[in-house]
Amino acid sequence: YSWQLEKRAAILEAPSVDQLCKSLLLENKKVTATNNSSTTTPHDNLWFNPRFVLVILQYSAELSTDLLTKSIRRLRPVQERLDSSSFDWRVADPADNDRITGYQFNSVTPFGLKEDVPIILSSAVAELGYFWLGGGHVHLKLGLSVSDFVKVQNVKVMEVSVKRSKPLLPAEVGEN
């Protein structure tokens, strides 16, 4: 993680740094055991009122929690949507990250998760057709076609990020 994104892209033979992505486990701090149980099925709660989500986005983009909230709310009919005040997204703490993903900081991947969580692929990544992300070890990267990746269970493409206004410095490039 001491290399610039351009050097990483060159080593992977990625045509653009925009294809380099990270997996970020987020927690909705507003979800509790009480408000996450309802008459809906567990699968519905997984998407409609999730406590944790794994978001895959570009290093060249910033997560927008507002867009994430809007995208999740849009999964329900208007009359059934939770109020936007029901969402407060934060990066999951390391203990939750390790328990849910089975991977430590800088090696999180959406494959082989220990717990079932929604996986959200940024729509900006989906537009690329192909992307790179962590493979479960700090030195392992996986190249995937979007069409193959979206076949994975619990993956949805959503608008969750905005382009960064300035490039990241090497110290800022770590992933969850």
C-alpha atoms as a PDB file:
ATOM      1  CA  TYR A   1       0.000   0.000   0.000  1.00  0.00           C
ATOM      2  CA  SER A   2       2.992   2.284  -0.302  1.00  0.00           C
ATOM      3  CA  TRP A   3       2.661   2.384  -4.115  1.00  0.00           C
ATOM      4  CA  GLN A   4       0.774   5.048  -6.008  1.00  0.00           C
ATOM      5  CA  LEU A   5      -2.406   3.819  -7.709  1.00  0.00           C
ATOM      6  CA  GLU A   6      -0.786   4.332 -11.118  1.00  0.00           C
ATOM      7  CA  LYS A   7       2.000   1.882 -10.233  1.00  0.00           C
ATOM      8  CA  ARG A   8      -0.510  -0.676  -8.952  1.00  0.00           C
ATOM      9  CA  ALA A   9      -2.550  -0.364 -12.153  1.00  0.00           C
ATOM     10  CA  ALA A  10       0.580  -0.818 -14.284  1.00  0.00           C
ATOM     11  CA  ILE A  11       1.619  -3.990 -12.426  1.00  0.00           C
ATOM     12  CA  LEU A  12      -1.897  -5.437 -12.821  1.00  0.00           C
ATOM     13  CA  GLU A  13      -1.991  -4.261 -16.449  1.00  0.00           C
ATOM     14  CA  ALA A  14      -5.218  -2.418 -15.692  1.00  0.00           C
ATOM     15  CA  PRO A  15      -5.920   0.253 -18.311  1.00  0.00           C
ATOM     16  CA  SER A  16      -6.955   2.775 -15.650  1.00  0.00           C
ATOM     17  CA  VAL A  17      -6.684   3.387 -11.906  1.00  0.00           C
ATOM     18  CA  ASP A  18     -10.486   3.608 -11.998  1.00  0.00           C
ATOM     19  CA  GLN A  19     -10.537  -0.200 -12.230  1.00  0.00           C
ATOM     20  CA  LEU A  20      -8.806  -0.533  -8.831  1.00  0.00           C
ATOM     21  CA  CYS A  21     -11.387  -1.097  -6.099  1.00  0.00           C
ATOM     22  CA  LYS A  22     -11.706  -1.718  -2.388  1.00  0.00           C
ATOM     23  CA  SER A  23     -14.194  -3.619  -0.258  1.00  0.00           C
ATOM     24  CA  LEU A  24     -15.517  -1.651   2.687  1.00  0.00           C
ATOM     25  CA  LEU A  25     -17.697  -3.114   5.448  1.00  0.00           C
ATOM     26  CA  LEU A  26     -20.139  -0.522   6.760  1.00  0.00           C
ATOM     27  CA  GLU A  27     -22.471  -0.606   9.753  1.00  0.00           C
ATOM     28  CA  ASN A  28     -25.800   1.166  10.036  1.00  0.00           C
ATOM     29  CA  LYS A  29     -25.596   2.378  13.638  1.00  0.00           C
ATOM     30  CA  LYS A  30     -29.379   2.949  13.691  1.00  0.00           C
ATOM     31  CA  VAL A  31     -30.183  -0.774  13.340  1.00  0.00           C
ATOM     32  CA  THR A  32     -30.814  -2.670  16.543  1.00  0.00           C
ATOM     33  CA  ALA A  33     -32.142  -6.180  17.199  1.00  0.00           C
ATOM     34  CA  THR A  34     -35.543  -4.619  17.924  1.00  0.00           C
ATOM     35  CA  ASN A  35     -35.934  -2.536  14.767  1.00  0.00           C
ATOM     36  CA  ASN A  36     -34.363  -5.152  12.500  1.00  0.00           C
ATOM     37  CA  SER A  37     -36.986  -7.791  13.244  1.00  0.00           C
ATOM     38  CA  SER A  38     -40.326  -7.408  11.573  1.00  0.00           C
ATOM     39  CA  THR A  39     -42.922  -9.379   9.674  1.00  0.00           C
ATOM     40  CA  THR A  40     -40.670  -9.463   6.620  1.00  0.00           C
ATOM     41  CA  THR A  41     -38.452 -12.426   5.832  1.00  0.00           C
ATOM     42  CA  PRO A  42     -34.816 -12.504   6.972  1.00  0.00           C
ATOM     43  CA  HIS A  43     -33.773 -11.998   3.318  1.00  0.00           C
ATOM     44  CA  ASP A  44     -35.902  -8.834   3.166  1.00  0.00           C
ATOM     45  CA  ASN A  45     -34.237  -7.473   6.313  1.00  0.00           C
ATOM     46  CA  LEU A  46     -30.869  -8.284   4.792  1.00  0.00           C
ATOM     47  CA  TRP A  47     -31.575  -5.691   2.089  1.00  0.00           C
ATOM     48  CA  PHE A  48     -34.306  -3.378   3.403  1.00  0.00           C
ATOM     49  CA  ASN A  49     -32.905  -2.676   6.854  1.00  0.00           C
ATOM     50  CA  PRO A  50     -29.356  -4.041   6.930  1.00  0.00           C
ATOM     51  CA  ARG A  51     -27.093  -3.553   9.905  1.00  0.00           C
ATOM     52  CA  PHE A  52     -23.992  -4.307   7.797  1.00  0.00           C
ATOM     53  CA  VAL A  53     -23.254  -3.984   4.078  1.00  0.00           C
ATOM     54  CA  LEU A  54     -20.100  -4.651   2.097  1.00  0.00           C
ATOM     55  CA  VAL A  55     -19.569  -1.937  -0.492  1.00  0.00           C
ATOM     56  CA  ILE A  56     -17.163  -2.253  -3.413  1.00  0.00           C
ATOM     57  CA  LEU A  57     -16.073   1.055  -4.820  1.00  0.00           C
ATOM     58  CA  GLN A  58     -13.170   2.582  -6.682  1.00  0.00           C
ATOM     59  CA  TYR A  59     -10.164   4.076  -4.932  1.00  0.00           C
ATOM     60  CA  SER A  60     -10.714   7.015  -7.282  1.00  0.00           C
ATOM     61  CA  ALA A  61     -14.184   7.577  -5.779  1.00  0.00           C
ATOM     62  CA  GLU A  62     -15.622   8.529  -2.397  1.00  0.00           C
ATOM     63  CA  LEU A  63     -18.426   6.714  -0.661  1.00  0.00           C
ATOM     64  CA  SER A  64     -21.588   8.806  -0.408  1.00  0.00           C
ATOM     65  CA  THR A  65     -23.651   7.631   2.556  1.00  0.00           C
ATOM     66  CA  ASP A  66     -26.531   9.750   1.254  1.00  0.00           C
ATOM     67  CA  LEU A  67     -26.506   7.881  -2.060  1.00  0.00           C
ATOM     68  CA  LEU A  68     -26.163   4.551  -0.235  1.00  0.00           C
ATOM     69  CA  THR A  69     -29.190   5.360   1.925  1.00  0.00           C
ATOM     70  CA  LYS A  70     -31.260   6.473  -1.082  1.00  0.00           C
ATOM     71  CA  SER A  71     -30.315   3.357  -3.034  1.00  0.00           C
ATOM     72  CA  ILE A  72     -31.319   1.004  -0.213  1.00  0.00           C
ATOM     73  CA  ARG A  73     -34.556   2.900   0.442  1.00  0.00           C
ATOM     74  CA  ARG A  74     -35.459   2.607  -3.278  1.00  0.00           C
ATOM     75  CA  LEU A  75     -35.579  -1.182  -2.956  1.00  0.00           C
ATOM     76  CA  ARG A  76     -38.990  -0.854  -1.261  1.00  0.00           C
ATOM     77  CA  PRO A  77     -42.195   0.664  -2.593  1.00  0.00           C
ATOM     78  CA  VAL A  78     -42.496   4.325  -1.563  1.00  0.00           C
ATOM     79  CA  GLN A  79     -45.164   3.681   1.070  1.00  0.00           C
ATOM     80  CA  GLU A  80     -42.974   1.008   2.755  1.00  0.00           C
ATOM     81  CA  ARG A  81     -39.645   2.858   2.785  1.00  0.00           C
ATOM     82  CA  LEU A  82     -37.888   3.552   6.043  1.00  0.00           C
ATOM     83  CA  ASP A  83     -37.258   7.201   6.757  1.00  0.00           C
ATOM     84  CA  SER A  84     -33.764   8.364   5.823  1.00  0.00           C
ATOM     85  CA  SER A  85     -33.192   9.119   9.518  1.00  0.00           C
ATOM     86  CA  SER A  86     -33.166   5.315  10.042  1.00  0.00           C
ATOM     87  CA  PHE A  87     -29.686   5.164   8.509  1.00  0.00           C
ATOM     88  CA  ASP A  88     -26.335   6.212   9.983  1.00  0.00           C
ATOM     89  CA  TRP A  89     -23.520   4.540   8.042  1.00  0.00           C
ATOM     90  CA  ARG A  90     -20.075   4.144   9.627  1.00  0.00           C
ATOM     91  CA  VAL A  91     -17.060   2.002   8.814  1.00  0.00           C
ATOM     92  CA  ALA A  92     -17.483  -1.194  10.842  1.00  0.00           C
ATOM     93  CA  ASP A  93     -15.171  -1.540  13.797  1.00  0.00           C
ATOM     94  CA  PRO A  94     -12.258  -3.973  13.348  1.00  0.00           C
ATOM     95  CA  ALA A  95     -13.769  -6.691  15.569  1.00  0.00           C
ATOM     96  CA  ASP A  96     -17.036  -6.715  13.557  1.00  0.00           C
ATOM     97  CA  ASN A  97     -15.073  -6.560  10.297  1.00  0.00           C
ATOM     98  CA  ASP A  98     -12.940  -9.575  11.227  1.00  0.00           C
ATOM     99  CA  ARG A  99     -15.935 -11.563  12.547  1.00  0.00           C
ATOM    100  CA  ILE A 100     -18.220 -10.883   9.558  1.00  0.00           C
ATOM    101  CA  THR A 101     -15.729 -10.978   6.697  1.00  0.00           C
ATOM    102  CA  GLY A 102     -13.121 -13.338   8.102  1.00  0.00           C
ATOM    103  CA  TYR A 103     -10.462 -10.958   6.767  1.00  0.00           C
ATOM    104  CA  GLN A 104      -8.349  -8.317   8.415  1.00  0.00           C
ATOM    105  CA  PHE A 105      -7.733  -4.690   7.463  1.00  0.00           C
ATOM    106  CA  ASN A 106      -6.346  -4.277   3.914  1.00  0.00           C
ATOM    107  CA  SER A 107      -7.346  -7.798   2.850  1.00  0.00           C
ATOM    108  CA  VAL A 108     -11.179  -7.774   2.808  1.00  0.00           C
ATOM    109  CA  THR A 109     -12.806  -9.471  -0.159  1.00  0.00           C
ATOM    110  CA  PRO A 110     -16.482 -10.226  -0.883  1.00  0.00           C
ATOM    111  CA  PHE A 111     -15.719 -13.950  -1.235  1.00  0.00           C
ATOM    112  CA  GLY A 112     -15.918 -16.412   1.643  1.00  0.00           C
ATOM    113  CA  LEU A 113     -17.636 -14.081   4.104  1.00  0.00           C
ATOM    114  CA  LYS A 114     -18.343 -15.596   7.519  1.00  0.00           C
ATOM    115  CA  GLU A 115     -21.798 -13.967   7.717  1.00  0.00           C
ATOM    116  CA  ASP A 116     -24.439 -13.195   5.116  1.00  0.00           C
ATOM    117  CA  VAL A 117     -24.424  -9.468   4.329  1.00  0.00           C
ATOM    118  CA  PRO A 118     -25.599  -7.501   1.301  1.00  0.00           C
ATOM    119  CA  ILE A 119     -22.814  -6.845  -1.196  1.00  0.00           C
ATOM    120  CA  ILE A 120     -23.148  -3.599  -3.109  1.00  0.00           C
ATOM    121  CA  LEU A 121     -21.137  -2.903  -6.232  1.00  0.00           C
ATOM    122  CA  SER A 122     -20.883   0.783  -7.038  1.00  0.00           C
ATOM    123  CA  SER A 123     -22.652   1.610 -10.300  1.00  0.00           C
ATOM    124  CA  ALA A 124     -19.505   3.493 -11.350  1.00  0.00           C
ATOM    125  CA  VAL A 125     -17.569   0.205 -11.154  1.00  0.00           C
ATOM    126  CA  ALA A 126     -20.317  -1.672 -13.000  1.00  0.00           C
ATOM    127  CA  GLU A 127     -19.957   0.711 -15.949  1.00  0.00           C
ATOM    128  CA  LEU A 128     -16.315  -0.356 -16.408  1.00  0.00           C
ATOM    129  CA  GLY A 129     -17.032  -3.972 -17.321  1.00  0.00           C
ATOM    130  CA  TYR A 130     -13.929  -5.248 -15.470  1.00  0.00           C
ATOM    131  CA  PHE A 131     -12.340  -4.373 -12.141  1.00  0.00           C
ATOM    132  CA  TRP A 132      -9.686  -5.380  -9.607  1.00  0.00           C
ATOM    133  CA  LEU A 133     -10.148  -5.832  -5.851  1.00  0.00           C
ATOM    134  CA  GLY A 134      -8.541  -7.471  -2.842  1.00  0.00           C
ATOM    135  CA  GLY A 135      -8.434 -11.243  -2.786  1.00  0.00           C
ATOM    136  CA  GLY A 136      -8.273 -12.037   0.933  1.00  0.00           C
ATOM    137  CA  HIS A 137      -4.585 -11.266   1.481  1.00  0.00           C
ATOM    138  CA  VAL A 138      -2.850  -7.911   1.433  1.00  0.00           C
ATOM    139  CA  HIS A 139      -0.745  -8.968  -1.589  1.00  0.00           C
ATOM    140  CA  LEU A 140      -3.461 -10.798  -3.551  1.00  0.00           C
ATOM    141  CA  LYS A 141      -5.629  -8.976  -6.096  1.00  0.00           C
ATOM    142  CA  LEU A 142      -8.446 -10.443  -8.185  1.00  0.00           C
ATOM    143  CA  GLY A 143      -9.511  -9.256 -11.609  1.00  0.00           C
ATOM    144  CA  LEU A 144     -13.204  -9.827 -12.324  1.00  0.00           C
ATOM    145  CA  SER A 145     -15.717  -9.113 -15.033  1.00  0.00           C
ATOM    146  CA  VAL A 146     -18.747  -7.249 -13.746  1.00  0.00           C
ATOM    147  CA  SER A 147     -21.059  -9.696 -15.511  1.00  0.00           C
ATOM    148  CA  ASP A 148     -19.557 -12.630 -13.574  1.00  0.00           C
ATOM    149  CA  PHE A 149     -19.393 -10.771 -10.275  1.00  0.00           C
ATOM    150  CA  VAL A 150     -23.055  -9.742 -10.207  1.00  0.00           C
ATOM    151  CA  LYS A 151     -24.031 -13.420 -10.361  1.00  0.00           C
ATOM    152  CA  VAL A 152     -22.715 -13.816  -6.806  1.00  0.00           C
ATOM    153  CA  GLN A 153     -25.473 -14.217  -4.212  1.00  0.00           C
ATOM    154  CA  ASN A 154     -26.543 -10.995  -2.453  1.00  0.00           C
ATOM    155  CA  VAL A 155     -24.887  -8.618  -4.946  1.00  0.00           C
ATOM    156  CA  LYS A 156     -26.718  -5.553  -6.198  1.00  0.00           C
ATOM    157  CA  VAL A 157     -25.418  -2.672  -8.305  1.00  0.00           C
ATOM    158  CA  MET A 158     -26.244   0.682  -6.714  1.00  0.00           C
ATOM    159  CA  GLU A 159     -25.268   4.313  -6.946  1.00  0.00           C
ATOM    160  CA  VAL A 160     -23.133   4.775  -3.821  1.00  0.00           C
ATOM    161  CA  SER A 161     -20.109   6.868  -4.777  1.00  0.00           C
ATOM    162  CA  VAL A 162     -18.914  10.105  -6.322  1.00  0.00           C
ATOM    163  CA  LYS A 163     -15.664  10.845  -8.146  1.00  0.00           C
ATOM    164  CA  ARG A 164     -12.894  12.174  -5.880  1.00  0.00           C
ATOM    165  CA  SER A 165     -11.973  15.803  -6.359  1.00  0.00           C
ATOM    166  CA  LYS A 166      -8.259  15.070  -5.738  1.00  0.00           C
ATOM    167  CA  PRO A 167      -6.121  11.925  -6.028  1.00  0.00           C
ATOM    168  CA  LEU A 168      -5.346   9.823  -2.971  1.00  0.00           C
ATOM    169  CA  LEU A 169      -1.924   9.826  -1.370  1.00  0.00           C
ATOM    170  CA  PRO A 170      -0.295   6.394  -0.827  1.00  0.00           C
ATOM    171  CA  ALA A 171      -1.055   6.478   2.921  1.00  0.00           C
ATOM    172  CA  GLU A 172      -4.770   6.986   2.174  1.00  0.00           C
ATOM    173  CA  VAL A 173      -5.112   4.025  -0.168  1.00  0.00           C
ATOM    174  CA  GLY A 174      -5.623   1.242   2.424  1.00  0.00           C
ATOM    175  CA  GLU A 175      -8.828  -0.723   2.173  1.00  0.00           C
ATOM    176  CA  ASN A 176     -10.983  -2.224   4.879  1.00  0.00           C
END
